[in-house]
Amino acid sequence: MTDVRLENGQRFWFFPTFVGRRSVAGFRWRSRQRRWEYFGIDLDEIRSFSCRR
């Protein structure tokens, strides 16, 4: 499980399934909908991340 913070200030839980040279994809937790959603983003948009067990 990964805690991700984007350049725009958004923060969410993320379970990566693919990491490429310029992007990452996986499942993002949507707390308002209370479900996981498949999601992809450019690595340049990520400000920081923290991996958890």
PDB file of N, CA and C in Angstrom:
ATOM      1  N   MET A   1       0.848  -1.167   0.000  1.00  0.00           N
ATOM      2  CA  MET A   1       0.000   0.000   0.000  1.00  0.00           C
ATOM      3  C   MET A   1       0.903   1.242   0.000  1.00  0.00           C
ATOM      4  N   THR A   2       0.510   2.262  -0.720  1.00  0.00           N
ATOM      5  CA  THR A   2       1.318   3.468  -0.859  1.00  0.00           C
ATOM      6  C   THR A   2       0.453   4.695  -0.605  1.00  0.00           C
ATOM      7  N   ASP A   3       0.958   5.593   0.218  1.00  0.00           N
ATOM      8  CA  ASP A   3       0.317   6.888   0.453  1.00  0.00           C
ATOM      9  C   ASP A   3       0.931   7.859  -0.547  1.00  0.00           C
ATOM     10  N   VAL A   4       0.120   8.423  -1.457  1.00  0.00           N
ATOM     11  CA  VAL A   4       0.609   9.284  -2.532  1.00  0.00           C
ATOM     12  C   VAL A   4       0.111  10.711  -2.321  1.00  0.00           C
ATOM     13  N   ARG A   5       1.005  11.677  -2.549  1.00  0.00           N
ATOM     14  CA  ARG A   5       0.633  13.097  -2.533  1.00  0.00           C
ATOM     15  C   ARG A   5       1.015  13.684  -3.887  1.00  0.00           C
ATOM     16  N   LEU A   6       0.038  14.297  -4.567  1.00  0.00           N
ATOM     17  CA  LEU A   6       0.272  14.873  -5.885  1.00  0.00           C
ATOM     18  C   LEU A   6       0.706  16.327  -5.788  1.00  0.00           C
ATOM     19  N   GLU A   7       1.230  16.860  -6.883  1.00  0.00           N
ATOM     20  CA  GLU A   7       1.642  18.266  -6.947  1.00  0.00           C
ATOM     21  C   GLU A   7       0.476  19.211  -6.673  1.00  0.00           C
ATOM     22  N   ASN A   8      -0.755  18.811  -7.015  1.00  0.00           N
ATOM     23  CA  ASN A   8      -1.924  19.676  -6.799  1.00  0.00           C
ATOM     24  C   ASN A   8      -2.470  19.593  -5.369  1.00  0.00           C
ATOM     25  N   GLY A   9      -1.799  18.818  -4.497  1.00  0.00           N
ATOM     26  CA  GLY A   9      -2.210  18.726  -3.104  1.00  0.00           C
ATOM     27  C   GLY A   9      -3.079  17.533  -2.768  1.00  0.00           C
ATOM     28  N   GLN A  10      -3.609  16.841  -3.766  1.00  0.00           N
ATOM     29  CA  GLN A  10      -4.429  15.655  -3.494  1.00  0.00           C
ATOM     30  C   GLN A  10      -3.578  14.573  -2.842  1.00  0.00           C
ATOM     31  N   ARG A  11      -4.214  13.818  -1.966  1.00  0.00           N
ATOM     32  CA  ARG A  11      -3.536  12.731  -1.267  1.00  0.00           C
ATOM     33  C   ARG A  11      -4.479  11.537  -1.205  1.00  0.00           C
ATOM     34  N   PHE A  12      -3.941  10.317  -1.435  1.00  0.00           N
ATOM     35  CA  PHE A  12      -4.787   9.133  -1.459  1.00  0.00           C
ATOM     36  C   PHE A  12      -3.943   7.881  -1.290  1.00  0.00           C
ATOM     37  N   TRP A  13      -4.626   6.767  -0.955  1.00  0.00           N
ATOM     38  CA  TRP A  13      -3.997   5.451  -0.893  1.00  0.00           C
ATOM     39  C   TRP A  13      -3.962   4.883  -2.290  1.00  0.00           C
ATOM     40  N   PHE A  14      -2.852   4.203  -2.610  1.00  0.00           N
ATOM     41  CA  PHE A  14      -2.636   3.693  -3.957  1.00  0.00           C
ATOM     42  C   PHE A  14      -1.979   2.320  -3.881  1.00  0.00           C
ATOM     43  N   PHE A  15      -2.455   1.390  -4.705  1.00  0.00           N
ATOM     44  CA  PHE A  15      -1.866   0.063  -4.816  1.00  0.00           C
ATOM     45  C   PHE A  15      -1.344  -0.081  -6.241  1.00  0.00           C
ATOM     46  N   PRO A  16      -0.034   0.152  -6.464  1.00  0.00           N
ATOM     47  CA  PRO A  16       0.498   0.135  -7.831  1.00  0.00           C
ATOM     48  C   PRO A  16       0.556  -1.281  -8.407  1.00  0.00           C
ATOM     49  N   THR A  17       0.234  -1.384  -9.700  1.00  0.00           N
ATOM     50  CA  THR A  17       0.341  -2.655 -10.411  1.00  0.00           C
ATOM     51  C   THR A  17       1.275  -2.548 -11.606  1.00  0.00           C
ATOM     52  N   PHE A  18       1.622  -1.316 -12.018  1.00  0.00           N
ATOM     53  CA  PHE A  18       2.516  -1.089 -13.147  1.00  0.00           C
ATOM     54  C   PHE A  18       3.324   0.176 -12.900  1.00  0.00           C
ATOM     55  N   VAL A  19       4.638   0.098 -13.100  1.00  0.00           N
ATOM     56  CA  VAL A  19       5.507   1.277 -13.021  1.00  0.00           C
ATOM     57  C   VAL A  19       6.334   1.305 -14.294  1.00  0.00           C
ATOM     58  N   GLY A  20       6.142   2.362 -15.083  1.00  0.00           N
ATOM     59  CA  GLY A  20       6.887   2.537 -16.326  1.00  0.00           C
ATOM     60  C   GLY A  20       7.938   3.621 -16.181  1.00  0.00           C
ATOM     61  N   ARG A  21       8.546   3.987 -17.286  1.00  0.00           N
ATOM     62  CA  ARG A  21       9.588   5.019 -17.261  1.00  0.00           C
ATOM     63  C   ARG A  21       9.026   6.397 -16.961  1.00  0.00           C
ATOM     64  N   ARG A  22       7.781   6.667 -17.380  1.00  0.00           N
ATOM     65  CA  ARG A  22       7.193   7.994 -17.222  1.00  0.00           C
ATOM     66  C   ARG A  22       5.852   7.995 -16.493  1.00  0.00           C
ATOM     67  N   SER A  23       5.339   6.816 -16.148  1.00  0.00           N
ATOM     68  CA  SER A  23       4.010   6.763 -15.533  1.00  0.00           C
ATOM     69  C   SER A  23       3.893   5.591 -14.578  1.00  0.00           C
ATOM     70  N   VAL A  24       2.826   5.640 -13.785  1.00  0.00           N
ATOM     71  CA  VAL A  24       2.506   4.559 -12.852  1.00  0.00           C
ATOM     72  C   VAL A  24       0.995   4.326 -12.929  1.00  0.00           C
ATOM     73  N   ALA A  25       0.582   3.079 -12.757  1.00  0.00           N
ATOM     74  CA  ALA A  25      -0.839   2.739 -12.786  1.00  0.00           C
ATOM     75  C   ALA A  25      -1.131   1.722 -11.697  1.00  0.00           C
ATOM     76  N   GLY A  26      -2.375   1.715 -11.273  1.00  0.00           N
ATOM     77  CA  GLY A  26      -2.798   0.779 -10.246  1.00  0.00           C
ATOM     78  C   GLY A  26      -4.164   1.161  -9.724  1.00  0.00           C
ATOM     79  N   PHE A  27      -4.434   0.811  -8.492  1.00  0.00           N
ATOM     80  CA  PHE A  27      -5.744   1.058  -7.903  1.00  0.00           C
ATOM     81  C   PHE A  27      -5.660   2.134  -6.835  1.00  0.00           C
ATOM     82  N   ARG A  28      -6.527   3.124  -6.958  1.00  0.00           N
ATOM     83  CA  ARG A  28      -6.596   4.268  -6.053  1.00  0.00           C
ATOM     84  C   ARG A  28      -7.847   4.131  -5.192  1.00  0.00           C
ATOM     85  N   TRP A  29      -7.710   4.376  -3.891  1.00  0.00           N
ATOM     86  CA  TRP A  29      -8.860   4.318  -2.993  1.00  0.00           C
ATOM     87  C   TRP A  29      -9.650   5.613  -3.092  1.00  0.00           C
ATOM     88  N   ARG A  30     -10.917   5.510  -3.462  1.00  0.00           N
ATOM     89  CA  ARG A  30     -11.826   6.655  -3.548  1.00  0.00           C
ATOM     90  C   ARG A  30     -12.676   6.655  -2.285  1.00  0.00           C
ATOM     91  N   SER A  31     -12.302   7.461  -1.310  1.00  0.00           N
ATOM     92  CA  SER A  31     -12.954   7.417   0.000  1.00  0.00           C
ATOM     93  C   SER A  31     -14.427   7.821  -0.054  1.00  0.00           C
ATOM     94  N   ARG A  32     -14.781   8.796  -0.877  1.00  0.00           N
ATOM     95  CA  ARG A  32     -16.193   9.208  -0.946  1.00  0.00           C
ATOM     96  C   ARG A  32     -17.078   8.115  -1.524  1.00  0.00           C
ATOM     97  N   GLN A  33     -16.553   7.383  -2.504  1.00  0.00           N
ATOM     98  CA  GLN A  33     -17.323   6.288  -3.101  1.00  0.00           C
ATOM     99  C   GLN A  33     -17.090   4.973  -2.362  1.00  0.00           C
ATOM    100  N   ARG A  34     -16.112   4.963  -1.460  1.00  0.00           N
ATOM    101  CA  ARG A  34     -15.755   3.785  -0.672  1.00  0.00           C
ATOM    102  C   ARG A  34     -15.457   2.579  -1.566  1.00  0.00           C
ATOM    103  N   ARG A  35     -14.568   2.808  -2.568  1.00  0.00           N
ATOM    104  CA  ARG A  35     -14.194   1.724  -3.477  1.00  0.00           C
ATOM    105  C   ARG A  35     -12.835   2.000  -4.101  1.00  0.00           C
ATOM    106  N   TRP A  36     -12.236   0.948  -4.647  1.00  0.00           N
ATOM    107  CA  TRP A  36     -10.988   1.061  -5.387  1.00  0.00           C
ATOM    108  C   TRP A  36     -11.306   1.357  -6.846  1.00  0.00           C
ATOM    109  N   GLU A  37     -10.484   2.195  -7.484  1.00  0.00           N
ATOM    110  CA  GLU A  37     -10.684   2.574  -8.881  1.00  0.00           C
ATOM    111  C   GLU A  37      -9.348   2.482  -9.602  1.00  0.00           C
ATOM    112  N   TYR A  38      -9.337   1.902 -10.814  1.00  0.00           N
ATOM    113  CA  TYR A  38      -8.106   1.831 -11.586  1.00  0.00           C
ATOM    114  C   TYR A  38      -7.699   3.230 -12.002  1.00  0.00           C
ATOM    115  N   PHE A  39      -6.398   3.547 -11.913  1.00  0.00           N
ATOM    116  CA  PHE A  39      -5.930   4.914 -12.052  1.00  0.00           C
ATOM    117  C   PHE A  39      -4.520   4.900 -12.626  1.00  0.00           C
ATOM    118  N   GLY A  40      -4.194   5.833 -13.500  1.00  0.00           N
ATOM    119  CA  GLY A  40      -2.849   5.993 -14.027  1.00  0.00           C
ATOM    120  C   GLY A  40      -2.458   7.460 -14.013  1.00  0.00           C
ATOM    121  N   ILE A  41      -1.165   7.733 -13.838  1.00  0.00           N
ATOM    122  CA  ILE A  41      -0.706   9.120 -13.753  1.00  0.00           C
ATOM    123  C   ILE A  41       0.755   9.231 -14.161  1.00  0.00           C
ATOM    124  N   ASP A  42       1.141  10.386 -14.703  1.00  0.00           N
ATOM    125  CA  ASP A  42       2.537  10.664 -15.026  1.00  0.00           C
ATOM    126  C   ASP A  42       3.331  10.834 -13.741  1.00  0.00           C
ATOM    127  N   LEU A  43       4.554  10.345 -13.728  1.00  0.00           N
ATOM    128  CA  LEU A  43       5.393  10.451 -12.534  1.00  0.00           C
ATOM    129  C   LEU A  43       5.677  11.910 -12.162  1.00  0.00           C
ATOM    130  N   ASP A  44       5.669  12.821 -13.139  1.00  0.00           N
ATOM    131  CA  ASP A  44       5.908  14.244 -12.864  1.00  0.00           C
ATOM    132  C   ASP A  44       4.837  14.863 -11.975  1.00  0.00           C
ATOM    133  N   GLU A  45       3.670  14.247 -11.904  1.00  0.00           N
ATOM    134  CA  GLU A  45       2.567  14.774 -11.100  1.00  0.00           C
ATOM    135  C   GLU A  45       2.662  14.379  -9.628  1.00  0.00           C
ATOM    136  N   ILE A  46       3.553  13.467  -9.294  1.00  0.00           N
ATOM    137  CA  ILE A  46       3.672  12.974  -7.919  1.00  0.00           C
ATOM    138  C   ILE A  46       4.699  13.798  -7.153  1.00  0.00           C
ATOM    139  N   ARG A  47       4.260  14.403  -6.056  1.00  0.00           N
ATOM    140  CA  ARG A  47       5.161  15.177  -5.209  1.00  0.00           C
ATOM    141  C   ARG A  47       5.925  14.270  -4.256  1.00  0.00           C
ATOM    142  N   SER A  48       5.203  13.344  -3.601  1.00  0.00           N
ATOM    143  CA  SER A  48       5.849  12.432  -2.667  1.00  0.00           C
ATOM    144  C   SER A  48       5.008  11.175  -2.511  1.00  0.00           C
ATOM    145  N   PHE A  49       5.642  10.129  -1.940  1.00  0.00           N
ATOM    146  CA  PHE A  49       4.933   8.898  -1.661  1.00  0.00           C
ATOM    147  C   PHE A  49       5.606   8.206  -0.492  1.00  0.00           C
ATOM    148  N   SER A  50       4.841   7.369   0.180  1.00  0.00           N
ATOM    149  CA  SER A  50       5.345   6.606   1.312  1.00  0.00           C
ATOM    150  C   SER A  50       4.747   5.210   1.255  1.00  0.00           C
ATOM    151  N   CYS A  51       5.608   4.211   1.225  1.00  0.00           N
ATOM    152  CA  CYS A  51       5.139   2.825   1.145  1.00  0.00           C
ATOM    153  C   CYS A  51       4.860   2.266   2.533  1.00  0.00           C
ATOM    154  N   ARG A  52       3.794   1.489   2.644  1.00  0.00           N
ATOM    155  CA  ARG A  52       3.389   0.870   3.912  1.00  0.00           C
ATOM    156  C   ARG A  52       3.252  -0.613   3.710  1.00  0.00           C
ATOM    157  N   ARG A  53       3.354  -1.364   4.783  1.00  0.00           N
ATOM    158  CA  ARG A  53       3.139  -2.811   4.705  1.00  0.00           C
ATOM    159  C   ARG A  53       1.690  -3.156   4.864  1.00  0.00           C
TER     160      ARG A  53
END
